[in-house]
């Protein structure tokens, strides 16, 4: 899918920004953990079992959503699969979202609570 503003494929950062902005407008509380650039490259300072944690964790009322954002042919890592399984087992709604889900309105549908 292409970004309507740039005529290029939507990047993961553009998708992340769009989802977080929409979630804010719809009154979700969100968490995204960003890596920081160090002299050894990008690192995400985590403690515990953070490797593979979804890109977005959002809650509103009694709903909790975990979303992993992917572009192109990117696939889940084994650590991401493990996190999604653990979160789903705990009753968290898990979603893999791609630019096509943004353009089709699927992300809006989910965050709006529509069936």
C-alpha atoms as a PDB file:
ATOM      1  CA  UNK A   1       0.000   0.000   0.000  1.00  0.00           C
ATOM      2  CA  UNK A   2       1.141   3.520  -0.587  1.00  0.00           C
ATOM      3  CA  UNK A   3       0.876   6.483   1.698  1.00  0.00           C
ATOM      4  CA  UNK A   4      -1.611   8.963   0.238  1.00  0.00           C
ATOM      5  CA  UNK A   5       0.667  11.840   1.244  1.00  0.00           C
ATOM      6  CA  UNK A   6       3.939  10.646  -0.202  1.00  0.00           C
ATOM      7  CA  UNK A   7       3.090   8.201  -2.999  1.00  0.00           C
ATOM      8  CA  UNK A   8       5.538   5.728  -1.435  1.00  0.00           C
ATOM      9  CA  UNK A   9       4.891   2.605   0.614  1.00  0.00           C
ATOM     10  CA  UNK A  10       3.849   3.418   4.177  1.00  0.00           C
ATOM     11  CA  UNK A  11       6.772   2.843   6.542  1.00  0.00           C
ATOM     12  CA  UNK A  12       6.448   1.101   9.877  1.00  0.00           C
ATOM     13  CA  UNK A  13       7.143   4.443  11.587  1.00  0.00           C
ATOM     14  CA  UNK A  14       4.330   6.113   9.628  1.00  0.00           C
ATOM     15  CA  UNK A  15       1.997   3.261  10.548  1.00  0.00           C
ATOM     16  CA  UNK A  16       3.042   3.489  14.205  1.00  0.00           C
ATOM     17  CA  UNK A  17       2.462   7.251  14.270  1.00  0.00           C
ATOM     18  CA  UNK A  18      -0.948   6.870  12.613  1.00  0.00           C
ATOM     19  CA  UNK A  19      -2.092   4.111  15.002  1.00  0.00           C
ATOM     20  CA  UNK A  20      -0.912   5.999  18.101  1.00  0.00           C
ATOM     21  CA  UNK A  21      -2.597   9.198  16.892  1.00  0.00           C
ATOM     22  CA  UNK A  22      -5.866   7.377  16.200  1.00  0.00           C
ATOM     23  CA  UNK A  23      -5.731   5.615  19.566  1.00  0.00           C
ATOM     24  CA  UNK A  24      -5.257   8.972  21.292  1.00  0.00           C
ATOM     25  CA  UNK A  25      -8.244  10.492  19.482  1.00  0.00           C
ATOM     26  CA  UNK A  26     -10.332   7.463  20.535  1.00  0.00           C
ATOM     27  CA  UNK A  27      -9.170   7.817  24.186  1.00  0.00           C
ATOM     28  CA  UNK A  28      -6.998   4.702  24.444  1.00  0.00           C
ATOM     29  CA  UNK A  29      -4.040   4.641  26.831  1.00  0.00           C
ATOM     30  CA  UNK A  30      -1.035   3.414  24.871  1.00  0.00           C
ATOM     31  CA  UNK A  31       2.513   2.242  25.375  1.00  0.00           C
ATOM     32  CA  UNK A  32       5.240   2.001  22.763  1.00  0.00           C
ATOM     33  CA  UNK A  33       8.819   1.306  23.832  1.00  0.00           C
ATOM     34  CA  UNK A  34      11.285   3.072  21.556  1.00  0.00           C
ATOM     35  CA  UNK A  35      14.892   2.038  21.137  1.00  0.00           C
ATOM     36  CA  UNK A  36      17.570   4.623  21.845  1.00  0.00           C
ATOM     37  CA  UNK A  37      20.655   5.195  19.752  1.00  0.00           C
ATOM     38  CA  UNK A  38      23.915   4.437  21.538  1.00  0.00           C
ATOM     39  CA  UNK A  39      27.519   4.252  20.396  1.00  0.00           C
ATOM     40  CA  UNK A  40      26.843   0.540  19.758  1.00  0.00           C
ATOM     41  CA  UNK A  41      23.759   1.149  17.607  1.00  0.00           C
ATOM     42  CA  UNK A  42      20.107   1.101  18.618  1.00  0.00           C
ATOM     43  CA  UNK A  43      19.303  -0.501  21.960  1.00  0.00           C
ATOM     44  CA  UNK A  44      16.073  -0.835  23.881  1.00  0.00           C
ATOM     45  CA  UNK A  45      16.770  -0.719  27.623  1.00  0.00           C
ATOM     46  CA  UNK A  46      14.647  -3.513  29.024  1.00  0.00           C
ATOM     47  CA  UNK A  47      14.651  -5.633  32.091  1.00  0.00           C
ATOM     48  CA  UNK A  48      12.936  -8.996  32.290  1.00  0.00           C
ATOM     49  CA  UNK A  49      11.466 -10.748  29.257  1.00  0.00           C
ATOM     50  CA  UNK A  50      11.029  -7.718  27.006  1.00  0.00           C
ATOM     51  CA  UNK A  51      12.558  -9.105  23.812  1.00  0.00           C
ATOM     52  CA  UNK A  52       9.776  -9.598  21.288  1.00  0.00           C
ATOM     53  CA  UNK A  53       7.192  -7.519  23.187  1.00  0.00           C
ATOM     54  CA  UNK A  54       4.558  -6.082  20.808  1.00  0.00           C
ATOM     55  CA  UNK A  55       4.994  -2.619  19.317  1.00  0.00           C
ATOM     56  CA  UNK A  56       1.860  -1.249  20.975  1.00  0.00           C
ATOM     57  CA  UNK A  57      -0.002  -2.097  24.145  1.00  0.00           C
ATOM     58  CA  UNK A  58      -3.275  -0.213  24.503  1.00  0.00           C
ATOM     59  CA  UNK A  59      -6.101  -0.253  27.011  1.00  0.00           C
ATOM     60  CA  UNK A  60      -9.509   1.365  27.181  1.00  0.00           C
ATOM     61  CA  UNK A  61     -12.098   0.406  29.752  1.00  0.00           C
ATOM     62  CA  UNK A  62     -12.029  -3.378  30.024  1.00  0.00           C
ATOM     63  CA  UNK A  63     -10.263  -3.877  26.681  1.00  0.00           C
ATOM     64  CA  UNK A  64      -6.560  -4.526  26.216  1.00  0.00           C
ATOM     65  CA  UNK A  65      -4.964  -4.777  22.790  1.00  0.00           C
ATOM     66  CA  UNK A  66      -1.441  -5.781  21.831  1.00  0.00           C
ATOM     67  CA  UNK A  67      -0.448  -4.923  18.268  1.00  0.00           C
ATOM     68  CA  UNK A  68       2.639  -5.815  16.287  1.00  0.00           C
ATOM     69  CA  UNK A  69       3.222  -3.613  13.249  1.00  0.00           C
ATOM     70  CA  UNK A  70       4.798  -5.052  10.129  1.00  0.00           C
ATOM     71  CA  UNK A  71       5.549  -3.766   6.664  1.00  0.00           C
ATOM     72  CA  UNK A  72       6.566  -5.517   3.483  1.00  0.00           C
ATOM     73  CA  UNK A  73       7.347  -9.186   3.926  1.00  0.00           C
ATOM     74  CA  UNK A  74       8.495  -8.841   7.538  1.00  0.00           C
ATOM     75  CA  UNK A  75       7.454 -11.766   9.712  1.00  0.00           C
ATOM     76  CA  UNK A  76       7.177 -12.459  13.431  1.00  0.00           C
ATOM     77  CA  UNK A  77      10.328 -13.478  15.263  1.00  0.00           C
ATOM     78  CA  UNK A  78      10.133 -16.514  17.567  1.00  0.00           C
ATOM     79  CA  UNK A  79      10.207 -14.136  20.580  1.00  0.00           C
ATOM     80  CA  UNK A  80       7.248 -12.179  19.154  1.00  0.00           C
ATOM     81  CA  UNK A  81       5.313 -15.409  18.616  1.00  0.00           C
ATOM     82  CA  UNK A  82       5.977 -16.357  22.248  1.00  0.00           C
ATOM     83  CA  UNK A  83       4.749 -12.976  23.521  1.00  0.00           C
ATOM     84  CA  UNK A  84       1.611 -13.098  21.381  1.00  0.00           C
ATOM     85  CA  UNK A  85       0.840 -16.577  22.664  1.00  0.00           C
ATOM     86  CA  UNK A  86       1.338 -15.533  26.295  1.00  0.00           C
ATOM     87  CA  UNK A  87      -0.782 -12.401  25.894  1.00  0.00           C
ATOM     88  CA  UNK A  88      -3.567 -14.256  24.058  1.00  0.00           C
ATOM     89  CA  UNK A  89      -3.576 -16.926  26.781  1.00  0.00           C
ATOM     90  CA  UNK A  90      -4.068 -14.098  29.304  1.00  0.00           C
ATOM     91  CA  UNK A  91      -7.094 -12.804  27.394  1.00  0.00           C
ATOM     92  CA  UNK A  92      -5.416  -9.901  25.592  1.00  0.00           C
ATOM     93  CA  UNK A  93      -6.636  -9.245  22.039  1.00  0.00           C
ATOM     94  CA  UNK A  94      -3.611  -9.547  19.744  1.00  0.00           C
ATOM     95  CA  UNK A  95      -3.312  -8.040  16.284  1.00  0.00           C
ATOM     96  CA  UNK A  96      -0.740  -8.012  13.513  1.00  0.00           C
ATOM     97  CA  UNK A  97      -1.300  -4.778  11.630  1.00  0.00           C
ATOM     98  CA  UNK A  98       0.136  -3.780   8.273  1.00  0.00           C
ATOM     99  CA  UNK A  99      -0.386  -0.679   6.129  1.00  0.00           C
ATOM    100  CA  UNK A 100      -3.174  -2.511   4.279  1.00  0.00           C
ATOM    101  CA  UNK A 101      -5.075  -2.751   7.595  1.00  0.00           C
ATOM    102  CA  UNK A 102      -4.792   1.006   7.999  1.00  0.00           C
ATOM    103  CA  UNK A 103      -5.993   1.717   4.468  1.00  0.00           C
ATOM    104  CA  UNK A 104      -8.865  -0.796   4.656  1.00  0.00           C
ATOM    105  CA  UNK A 105     -10.173   0.677   7.914  1.00  0.00           C
ATOM    106  CA  UNK A 106      -9.498  -2.515   9.902  1.00  0.00           C
ATOM    107  CA  UNK A 107      -7.454  -0.685  12.539  1.00  0.00           C
ATOM    108  CA  UNK A 108     -10.166   1.966  12.895  1.00  0.00           C
ATOM    109  CA  UNK A 109     -12.760  -0.807  13.228  1.00  0.00           C
ATOM    110  CA  UNK A 110     -10.827  -2.541  16.006  1.00  0.00           C
ATOM    111  CA  UNK A 111     -10.016   0.628  17.954  1.00  0.00           C
ATOM    112  CA  UNK A 112     -13.602   1.866  17.577  1.00  0.00           C
ATOM    113  CA  UNK A 113     -14.900  -1.390  19.057  1.00  0.00           C
ATOM    114  CA  UNK A 114     -16.964  -2.245  16.008  1.00  0.00           C
ATOM    115  CA  UNK A 115     -17.713  -5.923  15.279  1.00  0.00           C
END
